[in-house]
Amino acid sequence: MRGTERTRRVPIIFLTAGNADRQRRFRGYEAGAVDFLHKPLEPDILR
């Protein structure tokens, strides 16, 4: 998505079932993520 002009500015929130370690978080933010949310999701926070 970040490599395509049409989608490079679309905000991305990653959803993960476990605690992402520091390296995985870094990779996610580097890929363009704006946030990480852990499962199970808090509905109010997600909204």
All heavy atoms as atom14 arrays in JSON, in Angstrom:
{
  "sequence": "MRGTERTRRVPIIFLTAGNADRQRRFRGYEAGAVDFLHKPLEPDILR",
  "atom14_mask": [
    [1, 1, 1, 1, 1, 1, 1, 1, 0, 0, 0, 0, 0, 0],
    [1, 1, 1, 1, 1, 1, 1, 1, 1, 1, 1, 0, 0, 0],
    [1, 1, 1, 1, 0, 0, 0, 0, 0, 0, 0, 0, 0, 0],
    [1, 1, 1, 1, 1, 1, 1, 0, 0, 0, 0, 0, 0, 0],
    [1, 1, 1, 1, 1, 1, 1, 1, 1, 0, 0, 0, 0, 0],
    [1, 1, 1, 1, 1, 1, 1, 1, 1, 1, 1, 0, 0, 0],
    [1, 1, 1, 1, 1, 1, 1, 0, 0, 0, 0, 0, 0, 0],
    [1, 1, 1, 1, 1, 1, 1, 1, 1, 1, 1, 0, 0, 0],
    [1, 1, 1, 1, 1, 1, 1, 1, 1, 1, 1, 0, 0, 0],
    [1, 1, 1, 1, 1, 1, 1, 0, 0, 0, 0, 0, 0, 0],
    [1, 1, 1, 1, 1, 1, 1, 0, 0, 0, 0, 0, 0, 0],
    [1, 1, 1, 1, 1, 1, 1, 1, 0, 0, 0, 0, 0, 0],
    [1, 1, 1, 1, 1, 1, 1, 1, 0, 0, 0, 0, 0, 0],
    [1, 1, 1, 1, 1, 1, 1, 1, 1, 1, 1, 0, 0, 0],
    [1, 1, 1, 1, 1, 1, 1, 1, 0, 0, 0, 0, 0, 0],
    [1, 1, 1, 1, 1, 1, 1, 0, 0, 0, 0, 0, 0, 0],
    [1, 1, 1, 1, 1, 0, 0, 0, 0, 0, 0, 0, 0, 0],
    [1, 1, 1, 1, 0, 0, 0, 0, 0, 0, 0, 0, 0, 0],
    [1, 1, 1, 1, 1, 1, 1, 1, 0, 0, 0, 0, 0, 0],
    [1, 1, 1, 1, 1, 0, 0, 0, 0, 0, 0, 0, 0, 0],
    [1, 1, 1, 1, 1, 1, 1, 1, 0, 0, 0, 0, 0, 0],
    [1, 1, 1, 1, 1, 1, 1, 1, 1, 1, 1, 0, 0, 0],
    [1, 1, 1, 1, 1, 1, 1, 1, 1, 0, 0, 0, 0, 0],
    [1, 1, 1, 1, 1, 1, 1, 1, 1, 1, 1, 0, 0, 0],
    [1, 1, 1, 1, 1, 1, 1, 1, 1, 1, 1, 0, 0, 0],
    [1, 1, 1, 1, 1, 1, 1, 1, 1, 1, 1, 0, 0, 0],
    [1, 1, 1, 1, 1, 1, 1, 1, 1, 1, 1, 0, 0, 0],
    [1, 1, 1, 1, 0, 0, 0, 0, 0, 0, 0, 0, 0, 0],
    [1, 1, 1, 1, 1, 1, 1, 1, 1, 1, 1, 1, 0, 0],
    [1, 1, 1, 1, 1, 1, 1, 1, 1, 0, 0, 0, 0, 0],
    [1, 1, 1, 1, 1, 0, 0, 0, 0, 0, 0, 0, 0, 0],
    [1, 1, 1, 1, 0, 0, 0, 0, 0, 0, 0, 0, 0, 0],
    [1, 1, 1, 1, 1, 0, 0, 0, 0, 0, 0, 0, 0, 0],
    [1, 1, 1, 1, 1, 1, 1, 0, 0, 0, 0, 0, 0, 0],
    [1, 1, 1, 1, 1, 1, 1, 1, 0, 0, 0, 0, 0, 0],
    [1, 1, 1, 1, 1, 1, 1, 1, 1, 1, 1, 0, 0, 0],
    [1, 1, 1, 1, 1, 1, 1, 1, 0, 0, 0, 0, 0, 0],
    [1, 1, 1, 1, 1, 1, 1, 1, 1, 1, 0, 0, 0, 0],
    [1, 1, 1, 1, 1, 1, 1, 1, 1, 0, 0, 0, 0, 0],
    [1, 1, 1, 1, 1, 1, 1, 0, 0, 0, 0, 0, 0, 0],
    [1, 1, 1, 1, 1, 1, 1, 1, 0, 0, 0, 0, 0, 0],
    [1, 1, 1, 1, 1, 1, 1, 1, 1, 0, 0, 0, 0, 0],
    [1, 1, 1, 1, 1, 1, 1, 0, 0, 0, 0, 0, 0, 0],
    [1, 1, 1, 1, 1, 1, 1, 1, 0, 0, 0, 0, 0, 0],
    [1, 1, 1, 1, 1, 1, 1, 1, 0, 0, 0, 0, 0, 0],
    [1, 1, 1, 1, 1, 1, 1, 1, 0, 0, 0, 0, 0, 0],
    [1, 1, 1, 1, 1, 1, 1, 1, 1, 1, 1, 0, 0, 0]
  ],
  "atom14_positions": [
    [[0.82, -1.22, 0.0], [0.0, 0.0, 0.0], [0.85, 1.26, 0.0], [0.55, 2.24, -0.7], [-0.95, 0.01, 1.2], [-2.04, -1.06, 1.12], [-3.03, -1.17, 2.64], [-3.79, 0.44, 2.7], [0.0, 0.0, 0.0], [0.0, 0.0, 0.0], [0.0, 0.0, 0.0], [0.0, 0.0, 0.0], [0.0, 0.0, 0.0], [0.0, 0.0, 0.0]],
    [[1.93, 1.24, 0.77], [2.8, 2.41, 0.83], [3.58, 2.59, -0.47], [4.03, 3.69, -0.79], [3.78, 2.29, 2.01], [3.12, 2.45, 3.37], [2.51, 3.84, 3.51], [1.7, 3.94, 4.73], [0.4, 3.81, 4.73], [-0.24, 3.54, 3.61], [-0.29, 3.94, 5.86], [0.0, 0.0, 0.0], [0.0, 0.0, 0.0], [0.0, 0.0, 0.0]],
    [[3.73, 1.56, -1.24], [4.48, 1.66, -2.5], [3.62, 2.09, -3.68], [4.13, 2.23, -4.78], [0.0, 0.0, 0.0], [0.0, 0.0, 0.0], [0.0, 0.0, 0.0], [0.0, 0.0, 0.0], [0.0, 0.0, 0.0], [0.0, 0.0, 0.0], [0.0, 0.0, 0.0], [0.0, 0.0, 0.0], [0.0, 0.0, 0.0], [0.0, 0.0, 0.0]],
    [[2.33, 2.25, -3.44], [1.42, 2.65, -4.52], [0.88, 4.05, -4.23], [0.41, 4.32, -3.12], [0.25, 1.66, -4.64], [0.76, 0.34, -4.85], [-0.67, 2.04, -5.81], [0.0, 0.0, 0.0], [0.0, 0.0, 0.0], [0.0, 0.0, 0.0], [0.0, 0.0, 0.0], [0.0, 0.0, 0.0], [0.0, 0.0, 0.0], [0.0, 0.0, 0.0]],
    [[0.93, 4.93, -5.23], [0.52, 6.31, -5.05], [-0.93, 6.41, -4.61], [-1.28, 7.23, -3.76], [0.72, 7.1, -6.35], [0.34, 8.57, -6.27], [1.18, 9.33, -5.26], [2.35, 8.95, -5.03], [0.65, 10.32, -4.69], [0.0, 0.0, 0.0], [0.0, 0.0, 0.0], [0.0, 0.0, 0.0], [0.0, 0.0, 0.0], [0.0, 0.0, 0.0]],
    [[-1.78, 5.57, -5.14], [-3.21, 5.66, -4.83], [-3.5, 5.35, -3.37], [-4.42, 5.92, -2.77], [-3.98, 4.69, -5.73], [-5.48, 4.65, -5.46], [-6.17, 3.69, -6.42], [-7.57, 3.52, -6.06], [-8.56, 4.35, -6.36], [-8.28, 5.45, -7.06], [-9.8, 4.1, -5.98], [0.0, 0.0, 0.0], [0.0, 0.0, 0.0], [0.0, 0.0, 0.0]],
    [[-2.72, 4.45, -2.74], [-3.04, 3.96, -1.38], [-2.0, 4.33, -0.33], [-2.16, 3.97, 0.83], [-3.19, 2.44, -1.41], [-1.97, 1.85, -1.89], [-4.34, 2.02, -2.31], [0.0, 0.0, 0.0], [0.0, 0.0, 0.0], [0.0, 0.0, 0.0], [0.0, 0.0, 0.0], [0.0, 0.0, 0.0], [0.0, 0.0, 0.0], [0.0, 0.0, 0.0]],
    [[-0.99, 5.07, -0.72], [0.11, 5.32, 0.2], [-0.28, 6.18, 1.41], [0.36, 6.14, 2.44], [1.31, 5.94, -0.51], [1.04, 7.28, -1.16], [2.22, 7.72, -2.04], [3.43, 7.8, -1.28], [3.9, 8.92, -0.73], [3.21, 10.05, -0.84], [5.03, 8.93, -0.05], [0.0, 0.0, 0.0], [0.0, 0.0, 0.0], [0.0, 0.0, 0.0]],
    [[-1.39, 6.95, 1.27], [-1.8, 7.82, 2.38], [-2.98, 7.24, 3.18], [-3.49, 7.91, 4.07], [-2.18, 9.2, 1.84], [-1.0, 9.97, 1.26], [-1.42, 11.34, 0.77], [-0.28, 12.09, 0.29], [0.22, 11.98, -0.93], [-0.33, 11.12, -1.79], [1.28, 12.68, -1.3], [0.0, 0.0, 0.0], [0.0, 0.0, 0.0], [0.0, 0.0, 0.0]],
    [[-3.39, 6.02, 2.88], [-4.49, 5.41, 3.63], [-4.0, 5.02, 5.03], [-3.02, 4.26, 5.17], [-5.03, 4.16, 2.9], [-6.11, 3.47, 3.76], [-5.61, 4.55, 1.54], [0.0, 0.0, 0.0], [0.0, 0.0, 0.0], [0.0, 0.0, 0.0], [0.0, 0.0, 0.0], [0.0, 0.0, 0.0], [0.0, 0.0, 0.0], [0.0, 0.0, 0.0]],
    [[-4.59, 5.52, 6.11], [-4.15, 5.14, 7.47], [-4.45, 3.65, 7.74], [-5.51, 3.14, 7.36], [-4.97, 6.06, 8.38], [-6.14, 6.49, 7.56], [-5.7, 6.51, 6.15], [0.0, 0.0, 0.0], [0.0, 0.0, 0.0], [0.0, 0.0, 0.0], [0.0, 0.0, 0.0], [0.0, 0.0, 0.0], [0.0, 0.0, 0.0], [0.0, 0.0, 0.0]],
    [[-3.51, 3.0, 8.41], [-3.62, 1.56, 8.7], [-3.54, 1.33, 10.21], [-2.62, 1.84, 10.88], [-2.5, 0.77, 8.0], [-2.58, 0.96, 6.47], [-2.6, -0.73, 8.34], [-1.38, 0.38, 5.74], [0.0, 0.0, 0.0], [0.0, 0.0, 0.0], [0.0, 0.0, 0.0], [0.0, 0.0, 0.0], [0.0, 0.0, 0.0], [0.0, 0.0, 0.0]],
    [[-4.5, 0.6, 10.72], [-4.44, 0.14, 12.12], [-4.28, -1.38, 12.09], [-5.11, -2.09, 11.51], [-5.72, 0.52, 12.89], [-5.83, 2.05, 13.01], [-5.71, -0.12, 14.29], [-7.09, 2.51, 13.73], [0.0, 0.0, 0.0], [0.0, 0.0, 0.0], [0.0, 0.0, 0.0], [0.0, 0.0, 0.0], [0.0, 0.0, 0.0], [0.0, 0.0, 0.0]],
    [[-3.17, -1.84, 12.67], [-2.93, -3.29, 12.73], [-3.69, -3.9, 13.91], [-3.77, -3.31, 15.0], [-1.43, -3.59, 12.88], [-0.66, -3.44, 11.59], [0.43, -2.59, 11.5], [-1.02, -4.2, 10.48], [1.14, -2.48, 10.32], [-0.3, -4.09, 9.3], [0.78, -3.22, 9.22], [0.0, 0.0, 0.0], [0.0, 0.0, 0.0], [0.0, 0.0, 0.0]],
    [[-4.23, -5.05, 13.64], [-4.9, -5.84, 14.68], [-4.07, -7.1, 14.94], [-3.72, -7.82, 13.99], [-6.32, -6.23, 14.23], [-7.23, -5.08, 13.78], [-8.57, -5.63, 13.3], [-7.43, -4.08, 14.9], [0.0, 0.0, 0.0], [0.0, 0.0, 0.0], [0.0, 0.0, 0.0], [0.0, 0.0, 0.0], [0.0, 0.0, 0.0], [0.0, 0.0, 0.0]],
    [[-3.72, -7.33, 16.21], [-2.89, -8.5, 16.54], [-3.46, -9.21, 17.75], [-4.01, -8.59, 18.66], [-1.42, -8.07, 16.82], [-0.66, -9.22, 17.16], [-1.34, -7.04, 17.92], [0.0, 0.0, 0.0], [0.0, 0.0, 0.0], [0.0, 0.0, 0.0], [0.0, 0.0, 0.0], [0.0, 0.0, 0.0], [0.0, 0.0, 0.0], [0.0, 0.0, 0.0]],
    [[-3.31, -10.54, 17.72], [-3.86, -11.38, 18.81], [-2.93, -11.44, 20.0], [-3.34, -11.82, 21.1], [-4.15, -12.79, 18.3], [0.0, 0.0, 0.0], [0.0, 0.0, 0.0], [0.0, 0.0, 0.0], [0.0, 0.0, 0.0], [0.0, 0.0, 0.0], [0.0, 0.0, 0.0], [0.0, 0.0, 0.0], [0.0, 0.0, 0.0], [0.0, 0.0, 0.0]],
    [[-1.67, -11.09, 19.83], [-0.72, -11.17, 20.94], [0.01, -9.86, 21.11], [-0.19, -8.9, 20.36], [0.0, 0.0, 0.0], [0.0, 0.0, 0.0], [0.0, 0.0, 0.0], [0.0, 0.0, 0.0], [0.0, 0.0, 0.0], [0.0, 0.0, 0.0], [0.0, 0.0, 0.0], [0.0, 0.0, 0.0], [0.0, 0.0, 0.0], [0.0, 0.0, 0.0]],
    [[0.87, -9.81, 22.11], [1.68, -8.63, 22.33], [2.78, -8.57, 21.28], [3.59, -9.49, 21.17], [2.3, -8.64, 23.73], [1.23, -8.43, 24.8], [0.28, -7.72, 24.57], [1.41, -9.1, 25.94], [0.0, 0.0, 0.0], [0.0, 0.0, 0.0], [0.0, 0.0, 0.0], [0.0, 0.0, 0.0], [0.0, 0.0, 0.0], [0.0, 0.0, 0.0]],
    [[2.78, -7.51, 20.48], [3.82, -7.37, 19.47], [5.09, -6.88, 20.14], [5.09, -5.91, 20.9], [3.38, -6.37, 18.41], [0.0, 0.0, 0.0], [0.0, 0.0, 0.0], [0.0, 0.0, 0.0], [0.0, 0.0, 0.0], [0.0, 0.0, 0.0], [0.0, 0.0, 0.0], [0.0, 0.0, 0.0], [0.0, 0.0, 0.0], [0.0, 0.0, 0.0]],
    [[6.16, -7.59, 19.83], [7.43, -7.15, 20.42], [7.88, -5.87, 19.73], [7.28, -5.39, 18.76], [8.47, -8.26, 20.29], [8.71, -8.7, 18.86], [8.48, -7.85, 17.93], [9.09, -9.85, 18.63], [0.0, 0.0, 0.0], [0.0, 0.0, 0.0], [0.0, 0.0, 0.0], [0.0, 0.0, 0.0], [0.0, 0.0, 0.0], [0.0, 0.0, 0.0]],
    [[8.97, -5.35, 20.27], [9.45, -4.06, 19.79], [9.83, -4.1, 18.31], [9.54, -3.17, 17.57], [10.66, -3.67, 20.64], [11.21, -2.29, 20.32], [12.32, -1.95, 21.28], [12.84, -0.61, 20.99], [13.83, -0.05, 21.64], [14.4, -0.72, 22.67], [14.25, 1.15, 21.34], [0.0, 0.0, 0.0], [0.0, 0.0, 0.0], [0.0, 0.0, 0.0]],
    [[10.44, -5.2, 17.9], [10.89, -5.3, 16.5], [9.68, -5.33, 15.55], [9.68, -4.69, 14.51], [11.74, -6.56, 16.32], [12.29, -6.69, 14.91], [13.21, -7.91, 14.78], [13.44, -8.64, 15.75], [13.75, -8.1, 13.58], [0.0, 0.0, 0.0], [0.0, 0.0, 0.0], [0.0, 0.0, 0.0], [0.0, 0.0, 0.0], [0.0, 0.0, 0.0]],
    [[8.64, -6.09, 15.93], [7.45, -6.17, 15.08], [6.72, -4.82, 15.03], [6.19, -4.43, 13.99], [6.52, -7.27, 15.61], [7.05, -8.69, 15.31], [6.21, -9.74, 16.02], [4.83, -9.73, 15.54], [4.42, -10.36, 14.43], [5.28, -11.0, 13.67], [3.14, -10.34, 14.08], [0.0, 0.0, 0.0], [0.0, 0.0, 0.0], [0.0, 0.0, 0.0]],
    [[6.67, -4.13, 16.19], [6.04, -2.81, 16.18], [6.79, -1.84, 15.25], [6.2, -1.07, 14.51], [5.98, -2.23, 17.6], [4.89, -2.86, 18.46], [4.93, -2.23, 19.85], [3.81, -2.69, 20.64], [2.6, -2.17, 20.64], [2.37, -1.13, 19.85], [1.63, -2.67, 21.39], [0.0, 0.0, 0.0], [0.0, 0.0, 0.0], [0.0, 0.0, 0.0]],
    [[8.14, -1.91, 15.38], [8.95, -1.04, 14.53], [8.67, -1.31, 13.05], [8.53, -0.4, 12.25], [10.42, -1.22, 14.86], [11.33, -0.38, 14.01], [11.5, 0.98, 14.29], [12.02, -0.92, 12.92], [12.32, 1.76, 13.51], [12.84, -0.13, 12.15], [13.0, 1.22, 12.45], [0.0, 0.0, 0.0], [0.0, 0.0, 0.0], [0.0, 0.0, 0.0]],
    [[8.6, -2.61, 12.71], [8.33, -2.97, 11.31], [6.95, -2.46, 10.89], [6.77, -1.97, 9.77], [8.41, -4.47, 11.13], [8.2, -4.89, 9.67], [8.18, -6.39, 9.5], [7.89, -6.72, 8.1], [7.63, -7.94, 7.67], [7.62, -8.97, 8.54], [7.38, -8.16, 6.39], [0.0, 0.0, 0.0], [0.0, 0.0, 0.0], [0.0, 0.0, 0.0]],
    [[5.97, -2.57, 11.78], [4.63, -2.12, 11.46], [4.56, -0.62, 11.23], [3.96, -0.15, 10.24], [0.0, 0.0, 0.0], [0.0, 0.0, 0.0], [0.0, 0.0, 0.0], [0.0, 0.0, 0.0], [0.0, 0.0, 0.0], [0.0, 0.0, 0.0], [0.0, 0.0, 0.0], [0.0, 0.0, 0.0], [0.0, 0.0, 0.0], [0.0, 0.0, 0.0]],
    [[5.2, 0.13, 12.14], [5.18, 1.59, 11.95], [5.97, 2.0, 10.71], [5.62, 2.96, 10.02], [5.73, 2.29, 13.19], [4.78, 2.23, 14.36], [5.18, 1.71, 15.59], [3.48, 2.73, 14.24], [4.31, 1.66, 16.66], [2.61, 2.68, 15.31], [3.02, 2.14, 16.53], [2.16, 2.08, 17.58], [0.0, 0.0, 0.0], [0.0, 0.0, 0.0]],
    [[7.06, 1.25, 10.47], [7.85, 1.54, 9.28], [7.03, 1.29, 8.01], [7.2, 1.97, 7.0], [9.11, 0.67, 9.28], [10.12, 1.08, 8.21], [11.37, 0.23, 8.28], [11.23, -1.0, 8.39], [12.46, 0.8, 8.24], [0.0, 0.0, 0.0], [0.0, 0.0, 0.0], [0.0, 0.0, 0.0], [0.0, 0.0, 0.0], [0.0, 0.0, 0.0]],
    [[6.14, 0.3, 8.06], [5.29, -0.02, 6.92], [4.15, 0.98, 6.76], [3.43, 0.95, 5.76], [4.72, -1.43, 7.06], [0.0, 0.0, 0.0], [0.0, 0.0, 0.0], [0.0, 0.0, 0.0], [0.0, 0.0, 0.0], [0.0, 0.0, 0.0], [0.0, 0.0, 0.0], [0.0, 0.0, 0.0], [0.0, 0.0, 0.0], [0.0, 0.0, 0.0]],
    [[3.95, 1.84, 7.73], [2.94, 2.88, 7.6], [1.8, 2.8, 8.57], [0.8, 3.51, 8.42], [0.0, 0.0, 0.0], [0.0, 0.0, 0.0], [0.0, 0.0, 0.0], [0.0, 0.0, 0.0], [0.0, 0.0, 0.0], [0.0, 0.0, 0.0], [0.0, 0.0, 0.0], [0.0, 0.0, 0.0], [0.0, 0.0, 0.0], [0.0, 0.0, 0.0]],
    [[1.88, 1.95, 9.57], [0.79, 1.84, 10.53], [0.69, 3.09, 11.38], [1.69, 3.76, 11.66], [1.01, 0.63, 11.41], [0.0, 0.0, 0.0], [0.0, 0.0, 0.0], [0.0, 0.0, 0.0], [0.0, 0.0, 0.0], [0.0, 0.0, 0.0], [0.0, 0.0, 0.0], [0.0, 0.0, 0.0], [0.0, 0.0, 0.0], [0.0, 0.0, 0.0]],
    [[-0.56, 3.43, 11.75], [-0.77, 4.55, 12.65], [-1.04, 4.07, 14.07], [-0.98, 4.85, 15.02], [-1.94, 5.43, 12.17], [-1.61, 6.06, 10.82], [-3.23, 4.64, 12.09], [0.0, 0.0, 0.0], [0.0, 0.0, 0.0], [0.0, 0.0, 0.0], [0.0, 0.0, 0.0], [0.0, 0.0, 0.0], [0.0, 0.0, 0.0], [0.0, 0.0, 0.0]],
    [[-1.34, 2.75, 14.21], [-1.65, 2.24, 15.56], [-1.68, 0.72, 15.53], [-1.78, 0.1, 14.45], [-2.99, 2.77, 16.04], [-3.09, 2.8, 17.56], [-2.18, 2.24, 18.22], [-4.06, 3.39, 18.07], [0.0, 0.0, 0.0], [0.0, 0.0, 0.0], [0.0, 0.0, 0.0], [0.0, 0.0, 0.0], [0.0, 0.0, 0.0], [0.0, 0.0, 0.0]],
    [[-1.54, 0.12, 16.74], [-1.7, -1.31, 16.96], [-2.83, -1.49, 17.96], [-2.87, -0.82, 19.0], [-0.43, -1.93, 17.53], [0.58, -2.31, 16.49], [1.49, -1.38, 16.01], [0.64, -3.62, 16.01], [2.43, -1.73, 15.08], [1.58, -3.97, 15.06], [2.49, -3.03, 14.59], [0.0, 0.0, 0.0], [0.0, 0.0, 0.0], [0.0, 0.0, 0.0]],
    [[-3.78, -2.38, 17.66], [-4.82, -2.75, 18.61], [-4.76, -4.25, 18.86], [-4.59, -5.04, 17.91], [-6.21, -2.38, 18.08], [-6.53, -0.88, 17.93], [-7.93, -0.69, 17.39], [-6.35, -0.16, 19.27], [0.0, 0.0, 0.0], [0.0, 0.0, 0.0], [0.0, 0.0, 0.0], [0.0, 0.0, 0.0], [0.0, 0.0, 0.0], [0.0, 0.0, 0.0]],
    [[-4.89, -4.59, 20.12], [-4.76, -6.0, 20.5], [-6.13, -6.65, 20.63], [-7.09, -6.04, 21.08], [-3.99, -6.11, 21.82], [-2.59, -5.59, 21.74], [-1.55, -6.32, 21.24], [-2.08, -4.37, 22.1], [-0.45, -5.61, 21.29], [-0.74, -4.41, 21.81], [0.0, 0.0, 0.0], [0.0, 0.0, 0.0], [0.0, 0.0, 0.0], [0.0, 0.0, 0.0]],
    [[-6.2, -7.87, 20.17], [-7.4, -8.7, 20.35], [-7.37, -9.34, 21.74], [-6.29, -9.71, 22.21], [-7.46, -9.77, 19.28], [-7.53, -9.23, 17.85], [-7.55, -10.37, 16.85], [-7.59, -9.85, 15.41], [-7.57, -10.95, 14.42], [0.0, 0.0, 0.0], [0.0, 0.0, 0.0], [0.0, 0.0, 0.0], [0.0, 0.0, 0.0], [0.0, 0.0, 0.0]],
    [[-8.51, -9.53, 22.37], [-9.83, -9.05, 21.94], [-9.92, -7.53, 22.0], [-9.34, -6.9, 22.88], [-10.78, -9.72, 22.91], [-9.98, -9.89, 24.14], [-8.56, -10.19, 23.7], [0.0, 0.0, 0.0], [0.0, 0.0, 0.0], [0.0, 0.0, 0.0], [0.0, 0.0, 0.0], [0.0, 0.0, 0.0], [0.0, 0.0, 0.0], [0.0, 0.0, 0.0]],
    [[-10.65, -6.96, 21.06], [-10.72, -5.51, 20.91], [-11.71, -4.89, 21.87], [-12.75, -5.47, 22.17], [-11.12, -5.16, 19.46], [-10.21, -5.68, 18.35], [-10.84, -5.4, 17.0], [-8.83, -5.02, 18.43], [0.0, 0.0, 0.0], [0.0, 0.0, 0.0], [0.0, 0.0, 0.0], [0.0, 0.0, 0.0], [0.0, 0.0, 0.0], [0.0, 0.0, 0.0]],
    [[-11.37, -3.69, 22.36], [-12.28, -2.89, 23.16], [-13.16, -2.09, 22.19], [-12.67, -1.21, 21.46], [-11.52, -1.95, 24.08], [-10.8, -2.65, 25.2], [-11.76, -3.2, 26.24], [-12.91, -2.7, 26.3], [-11.37, -4.13, 26.95], [0.0, 0.0, 0.0], [0.0, 0.0, 0.0], [0.0, 0.0, 0.0], [0.0, 0.0, 0.0], [0.0, 0.0, 0.0]],
    [[-14.49, -2.37, 22.13], [-15.35, -1.7, 21.14], [-15.27, -0.18, 21.19], [-15.19, 0.48, 20.15], [-16.74, -2.22, 21.5], [-16.49, -3.54, 22.14], [-15.22, -3.39, 22.92], [0.0, 0.0, 0.0], [0.0, 0.0, 0.0], [0.0, 0.0, 0.0], [0.0, 0.0, 0.0], [0.0, 0.0, 0.0], [0.0, 0.0, 0.0], [0.0, 0.0, 0.0]],
    [[-15.32, 0.39, 22.38], [-15.3, 1.86, 22.48], [-14.0, 2.45, 21.97], [-13.99, 3.49, 21.3], [-15.53, 2.29, 23.93], [-16.94, 1.95, 24.4], [-17.82, 1.8, 23.52], [-17.16, 1.85, 25.61], [0.0, 0.0, 0.0], [0.0, 0.0, 0.0], [0.0, 0.0, 0.0], [0.0, 0.0, 0.0], [0.0, 0.0, 0.0], [0.0, 0.0, 0.0]],
    [[-12.9, 1.78, 22.32], [-11.58, 2.27, 21.84], [-11.51, 2.18, 20.33], [-11.05, 3.1, 19.64], [-10.45, 1.46, 22.51], [-10.43, 1.74, 24.02], [-9.12, 1.81, 21.87], [-9.4, 0.93, 24.77], [0.0, 0.0, 0.0], [0.0, 0.0, 0.0], [0.0, 0.0, 0.0], [0.0, 0.0, 0.0], [0.0, 0.0, 0.0], [0.0, 0.0, 0.0]],
    [[-11.98, 1.04, 19.79], [-11.95, 0.87, 18.32], [-12.79, 1.96, 17.63], [-12.35, 2.57, 16.66], [-12.49, -0.52, 17.95], [-12.64, -0.81, 16.44], [-11.27, -0.75, 15.76], [-13.28, -2.17, 16.22], [0.0, 0.0, 0.0], [0.0, 0.0, 0.0], [0.0, 0.0, 0.0], [0.0, 0.0, 0.0], [0.0, 0.0, 0.0], [0.0, 0.0, 0.0]],
    [[-14.0, 2.2, 18.17], [-14.87, 3.2, 17.54], [-14.26, 4.59, 17.62], [-14.31, 5.36, 16.65], [-16.24, 3.19, 18.21], [-17.05, 1.93, 17.96], [-18.5, 2.14, 18.42], [-19.24, 0.89, 18.45], [-19.44, 0.15, 19.52], [-18.96, 0.54, 20.7], [-20.14, -0.97, 19.46], [0.0, 0.0, 0.0], [0.0, 0.0, 0.0], [0.0, 0.0, 0.0]]
  ]
}
